[in-house]
Amino acid sequence: MAPSITNDFVHKHVLRALVSFALRGRRIIAGTWDESETLCISFDCDTDRDMREIPSLLGLLGDRSVRSTFGLVGTLAERYPDVVKGILRNGHEILNHTFSHPITFRSIGDNAMRNEVEYFQKLMIERFHYRPQGFRAPHLMRKYDRTLFRILKYNQLYDTSYVGRGIASIDGVIELPLTSCPDHPQLCFDYWHHFQLPIIKSSWRKFVILWKDLLAEKSFLNVYLDPHLVSDKFLEEMITAVPDSFKFVKLNDIAAVAFGTLNSERRVQKDSSL
């Protein structure tokens, strides 16, 4: 295995060139926002290691009075029911991250896709008396999938699977895109592509600079982390850098406002057509 190097210049420019080619044509959401300073930090929990890290995260988030969103996989929720109950007991949100987290989610077929979404909903409602309000696709999404958005609309789920800015509506489904990385706009700002890529990695210093740039330039930030990758110290430093003017919220808090706005616009359009 080739040794890895930490070089911010190389990481920025080589990865930008590779991503521009590999993800050409990726849908980047250009939504709107009311400019209030709002931050959503969510966690995608799709491995046993992630689930085992959640209790520690709950303690840290509780100490900082931060409410968050946890994307869970149904099979793991079945294996770790006490973790699921802990998330809910501490006032956080659970996001539908599919029932089994299939690698080939975007090509599994219409019925299988519906089952992945709806089996998760059924599990959470029947076992935990909780109805998830949002969805995030495994490995995120590059292109629009009409079948998926019909399923999400039918199940009254918002989506947070694209990269972009602000809030948008796609076929009647609220889209809360993940914030783009300043260096690599086709990728979301996350831990993985800075520190987990083979060979070339970013420095912690550069990551912090980019994080502070986002906080200074954007009023709405939506970022996700993988629990088994980030240490408590890492998350603590990220939270500490957030100005007091920002409000930490769960994704469903934002979606609720967006749903209300969308429904009001529909009523206005309907009334105007009379």
Protein backbone atom coordinates (compact mmCIF):
# COMPACT_ATOMS: atom_id res chain seq x y z
CA MET A 1 0.00 0.00 0.00
CA ALA A 2 1.33 3.42 -0.94
CA PRO A 3 2.13 5.72 2.01
CA SER A 4 -0.29 8.58 2.58
CA ILE A 5 0.81 12.21 2.56
CA THR A 6 -0.72 15.34 4.04
CA ASN A 7 -0.48 18.19 1.58
CA ASP A 8 -3.19 20.84 1.45
CA PHE A 9 -2.20 22.23 -1.95
CA VAL A 10 -2.15 18.82 -3.60
CA HIS A 11 -5.31 17.71 -1.81
CA LYS A 12 -7.20 20.79 -2.99
CA HIS A 13 -6.13 20.86 -6.63
CA VAL A 14 -5.68 17.19 -7.49
CA LEU A 15 -8.96 16.22 -5.84
CA ARG A 16 -10.74 19.13 -7.53
CA ALA A 17 -9.56 17.91 -10.93
CA LEU A 18 -10.54 14.31 -10.20
CA VAL A 19 -13.94 15.24 -8.80
CA SER A 20 -14.71 17.59 -11.69
CA PHE A 21 -14.27 14.63 -14.03
CA ALA A 22 -15.75 11.83 -11.92
CA LEU A 23 -18.82 13.79 -10.76
CA ARG A 24 -19.45 15.84 -13.87
CA GLY A 25 -23.17 16.32 -14.25
CA ARG A 26 -23.86 15.97 -10.53
CA ARG A 27 -26.95 17.87 -9.53
CA ILE A 28 -26.06 20.82 -7.29
CA ILE A 29 -29.06 22.31 -5.52
CA ALA A 30 -29.45 26.08 -5.72
CA GLY A 31 -32.02 26.76 -3.04
CA THR A 32 -33.02 29.81 -1.02
CA TRP A 33 -32.73 30.74 2.63
CA ASP A 34 -33.99 33.59 4.83
CA GLU A 35 -30.41 34.41 5.96
CA SER A 36 -30.94 33.53 9.66
CA GLU A 37 -27.77 31.88 10.95
CA THR A 38 -28.67 28.22 11.32
CA LEU A 39 -26.54 25.08 11.62
CA CYS A 40 -27.54 21.43 11.33
CA ILE A 41 -24.94 18.82 12.30
CA SER A 42 -26.11 15.32 11.51
CA PHE A 43 -24.55 11.88 11.85
CA ASP A 44 -24.76 9.02 9.37
CA CYS A 45 -24.67 5.80 11.38
CA ASP A 46 -24.34 2.87 9.01
CA THR A 47 -21.89 0.55 10.81
CA ASP A 48 -21.74 -1.19 14.18
CA ARG A 49 -18.81 1.05 15.11
CA ASP A 50 -20.98 4.12 14.47
CA MET A 51 -23.74 2.80 16.71
CA ARG A 52 -21.32 2.08 19.54
CA GLU A 53 -20.03 5.68 19.40
CA ILE A 54 -23.46 7.27 19.69
CA PRO A 55 -23.77 7.21 23.53
CA SER A 56 -20.55 9.23 23.81
CA LEU A 57 -21.81 11.70 21.20
CA LEU A 58 -25.08 12.10 23.07
CA GLY A 59 -23.19 13.11 26.19
CA LEU A 60 -21.10 15.70 24.36
CA LEU A 61 -24.08 17.15 22.49
CA GLY A 62 -26.06 17.30 25.73
CA ASP A 63 -23.26 19.17 27.48
CA ARG A 64 -23.32 21.79 24.72
CA SER A 65 -27.14 21.91 24.46
CA VAL A 66 -26.94 20.91 20.79
CA ARG A 67 -29.85 19.12 19.14
CA SER A 68 -28.88 16.96 16.20
CA THR A 69 -30.11 14.49 13.58
CA PHE A 70 -29.01 10.85 13.38
CA GLY A 71 -29.35 8.95 10.10
CA LEU A 72 -29.88 5.32 11.09
CA VAL A 73 -30.05 2.04 9.16
CA GLY A 74 -32.96 -0.22 10.04
CA THR A 75 -30.94 -3.40 10.57
CA LEU A 76 -28.68 -1.55 13.01
CA ALA A 77 -31.63 0.03 14.82
CA GLU A 78 -32.93 -3.51 15.40
CA ARG A 79 -29.55 -4.56 16.84
CA TYR A 80 -29.08 -1.51 19.05
CA PRO A 81 -32.55 -0.61 20.41
CA ASP A 82 -31.15 1.05 23.54
CA VAL A 83 -29.07 3.40 21.37
CA VAL A 84 -32.16 4.35 19.37
CA LYS A 85 -34.09 5.02 22.57
CA GLY A 86 -31.19 7.12 23.87
CA ILE A 87 -31.25 9.31 20.76
CA LEU A 88 -34.96 9.95 21.16
CA ARG A 89 -34.81 10.37 24.92
CA ASN A 90 -32.23 13.13 24.47
CA GLY A 91 -34.45 15.07 22.08
CA HIS A 92 -32.65 14.35 18.80
CA GLU A 93 -34.10 13.43 15.42
CA ILE A 94 -33.84 10.09 13.62
CA LEU A 95 -33.47 10.18 9.85
CA ASN A 96 -34.46 7.35 7.48
CA HIS A 97 -31.16 6.09 6.02
CA THR A 98 -32.86 3.01 4.46
CA PHE A 99 -33.49 -0.36 6.04
CA SER A 100 -30.29 -2.15 4.95
CA HIS A 101 -28.06 0.58 3.42
CA PRO A 102 -27.59 -1.14 0.03
CA ILE A 103 -24.48 -0.14 -1.90
CA THR A 104 -26.50 -0.22 -5.11
CA PHE A 105 -29.46 1.77 -3.77
CA ARG A 106 -29.87 3.88 -6.91
CA SER A 107 -30.24 0.80 -9.14
CA ILE A 108 -32.08 -1.74 -6.99
CA GLY A 109 -35.46 -1.40 -8.73
CA ASP A 110 -38.65 0.43 -7.86
CA ASN A 111 -40.14 -2.13 -5.45
CA ALA A 112 -36.87 -2.73 -3.63
CA MET A 113 -36.34 1.02 -3.26
CA ARG A 114 -39.83 1.45 -1.84
CA ASN A 115 -39.24 -1.41 0.61
CA GLU A 116 -35.95 0.11 1.79
CA VAL A 117 -37.72 3.35 2.66
CA GLU A 118 -41.00 1.96 3.99
CA TYR A 119 -39.60 -0.97 6.01
CA PHE A 120 -37.54 1.56 7.93
CA GLN A 121 -40.60 3.71 8.58
CA LYS A 122 -42.57 0.67 9.73
CA LEU A 123 -39.80 -0.45 12.08
CA MET A 124 -39.48 2.94 13.75
CA ILE A 125 -43.23 3.39 14.15
CA GLU A 126 -44.02 -0.10 15.43
CA ARG A 127 -40.99 -0.66 17.65
CA PHE A 128 -40.08 2.84 18.81
CA HIS A 129 -43.37 4.75 18.34
CA TYR A 130 -41.55 7.35 16.26
CA ARG A 131 -42.19 8.44 12.68
CA PRO A 132 -39.08 9.73 10.88
CA GLN A 133 -39.74 12.84 8.84
CA GLY A 134 -36.66 12.86 6.62
CA PHE A 135 -34.54 10.69 4.37
CA ARG A 136 -30.91 10.47 3.28
CA ALA A 137 -29.82 8.07 0.55
CA PRO A 138 -26.85 5.75 1.10
CA HIS A 139 -23.72 7.35 -0.37
CA LEU A 140 -25.83 10.42 -1.25
CA MET A 141 -27.20 11.11 -4.73
CA ARG A 142 -25.77 12.49 -7.94
CA LYS A 143 -28.79 12.59 -10.22
CA TYR A 144 -32.54 12.95 -9.93
CA ASP A 145 -34.55 9.75 -9.42
CA ARG A 146 -38.26 10.19 -10.15
CA THR A 147 -39.22 6.91 -8.45
CA LEU A 148 -37.48 7.82 -5.22
CA PHE A 149 -39.11 11.22 -5.02
CA ARG A 150 -42.55 9.71 -5.61
CA ILE A 151 -41.83 7.36 -2.67
CA LEU A 152 -40.65 10.21 -0.46
CA LYS A 153 -43.68 12.34 -1.30
CA TYR A 154 -46.06 9.46 -0.60
CA ASN A 155 -44.44 8.88 2.80
CA GLN A 156 -44.28 12.63 3.58
CA LEU A 157 -40.51 12.64 3.94
CA TYR A 158 -38.17 15.54 3.24
CA ASP A 159 -34.86 14.71 1.57
CA THR A 160 -31.28 15.60 2.44
CA SER A 161 -29.28 13.57 -0.09
CA TYR A 162 -27.92 16.21 -2.48
CA VAL A 163 -25.16 18.80 -2.22
CA GLY A 164 -25.86 22.49 -2.57
CA ARG A 165 -27.16 25.49 -0.66
CA GLY A 166 -30.38 26.80 0.82
CA ILE A 167 -33.68 24.93 0.65
CA ALA A 168 -35.48 23.76 -2.48
CA SER A 169 -38.56 21.80 -3.52
CA ILE A 170 -38.25 18.85 -5.89
CA ASP A 171 -41.56 17.48 -7.14
CA GLY A 172 -43.27 18.54 -3.93
CA VAL A 173 -40.51 17.12 -1.68
CA ILE A 174 -38.53 19.52 0.51
CA GLU A 175 -34.79 19.25 -0.20
CA LEU A 176 -32.30 20.25 2.51
CA PRO A 177 -28.97 19.88 0.67
CA LEU A 178 -25.69 19.25 2.40
CA THR A 179 -23.31 22.21 2.35
CA SER A 180 -20.65 22.09 -0.36
CA CYS A 181 -16.95 22.06 0.46
CA PRO A 182 -15.36 25.41 -0.50
CA ASP A 183 -12.43 23.61 -2.15
CA HIS A 184 -14.54 20.95 -3.86
CA PRO A 185 -18.05 22.27 -4.61
CA GLN A 186 -19.28 18.92 -5.97
CA LEU A 187 -18.58 17.27 -2.60
CA CYS A 188 -20.23 18.00 0.71
CA PHE A 189 -18.13 19.42 3.52
CA ASP A 190 -17.35 16.34 5.59
CA TYR A 191 -14.62 14.48 7.45
CA TRP A 192 -14.29 11.65 4.97
CA HIS A 193 -13.00 13.39 1.87
CA HIS A 194 -10.55 15.45 3.90
CA PHE A 195 -8.99 12.69 5.97
CA GLN A 196 -10.02 9.25 4.70
CA LEU A 197 -9.04 9.31 1.05
CA PRO A 198 -6.07 7.11 0.17
CA ILE A 199 -2.64 8.71 -0.41
CA ILE A 200 -3.47 12.44 -0.23
CA LYS A 201 -5.08 13.96 2.84
CA SER A 202 -5.91 17.39 4.18
CA SER A 203 -4.38 18.81 7.34
CA TRP A 204 -6.51 19.52 10.39
CA ARG A 205 -5.43 23.18 10.12
CA LYS A 206 -6.86 23.47 6.59
CA PHE A 207 -10.10 21.75 7.64
CA VAL A 208 -10.57 24.30 10.44
CA ILE A 209 -9.87 27.19 8.06
CA LEU A 210 -12.51 25.93 5.63
CA TRP A 211 -14.98 25.39 8.49
CA LYS A 212 -14.49 28.93 9.75
CA ASP A 213 -14.80 30.28 6.20
CA LEU A 214 -18.16 28.54 5.84
CA LEU A 215 -19.36 29.92 9.17
CA ALA A 216 -18.36 33.42 8.06
CA GLU A 217 -19.83 33.21 4.56
CA LYS A 218 -22.96 31.06 4.90
CA SER A 219 -26.06 31.61 6.99
CA PHE A 220 -27.41 28.05 6.60
CA LEU A 221 -25.05 25.11 7.05
CA ASN A 222 -25.97 21.43 6.83
CA VAL A 223 -23.05 19.08 7.47
CA TYR A 224 -22.80 15.42 8.41
CA LEU A 225 -20.16 13.33 10.17
CA ASP A 226 -19.50 9.61 10.61
CA PRO A 227 -19.49 8.82 14.37
CA HIS A 228 -16.78 6.16 14.21
CA LEU A 229 -14.39 8.55 12.43
CA VAL A 230 -14.68 11.67 14.56
CA SER A 231 -13.38 11.90 18.11
CA ASP A 232 -15.11 13.82 20.86
CA LYS A 233 -12.23 16.33 20.69
CA PHE A 234 -12.78 16.79 16.94
CA LEU A 235 -16.48 17.50 17.39
CA GLU A 236 -15.86 19.71 20.41
CA GLU A 237 -13.49 21.89 18.39
CA MET A 238 -15.98 22.15 15.52
CA ILE A 239 -18.77 23.22 17.88
CA THR A 240 -16.51 25.66 19.75
CA ALA A 241 -15.72 27.46 16.49
CA VAL A 242 -19.41 28.21 15.86
CA PRO A 243 -20.31 31.86 16.64
CA ASP A 244 -22.98 32.50 19.25
CA SER A 245 -25.16 34.04 16.54
CA PHE A 246 -25.77 30.59 15.05
CA LYS A 247 -28.67 28.45 16.17
CA PHE A 248 -28.19 24.66 16.29
CA VAL A 249 -31.26 22.87 14.97
CA LYS A 250 -32.47 19.46 13.86
CA LEU A 251 -33.18 19.02 10.18
CA ASN A 252 -36.86 18.40 10.82
CA ASP A 253 -37.11 21.85 12.44
CA ILE A 254 -36.05 23.40 9.13
CA ALA A 255 -38.24 21.06 7.10
CA ALA A 256 -41.33 21.95 9.16
CA VAL A 257 -40.92 25.63 8.29
CA ALA A 258 -40.27 24.76 4.64
CA PHE A 259 -43.35 22.51 4.49
CA GLY A 260 -45.47 25.34 5.86
CA THR A 261 -44.09 27.79 3.31
CA LEU A 262 -44.62 25.33 0.45
CA ASN A 263 -48.22 24.66 1.48
CA SER A 264 -48.91 28.40 1.78
CA GLU A 265 -47.56 28.94 -1.75
CA ARG A 266 -49.79 26.14 -3.02
CA ARG A 267 -52.85 27.71 -1.39
CA VAL A 268 -52.01 31.10 -2.92
CA GLN A 269 -51.59 29.52 -6.35
CA LYS A 270 -54.85 27.63 -5.97
CA ASP A 271 -56.73 30.74 -4.86
CA SER A 272 -55.25 32.74 -7.73
CA SER A 273 -56.56 30.21 -10.22
CA LEU A 274 -60.18 30.58 -9.05
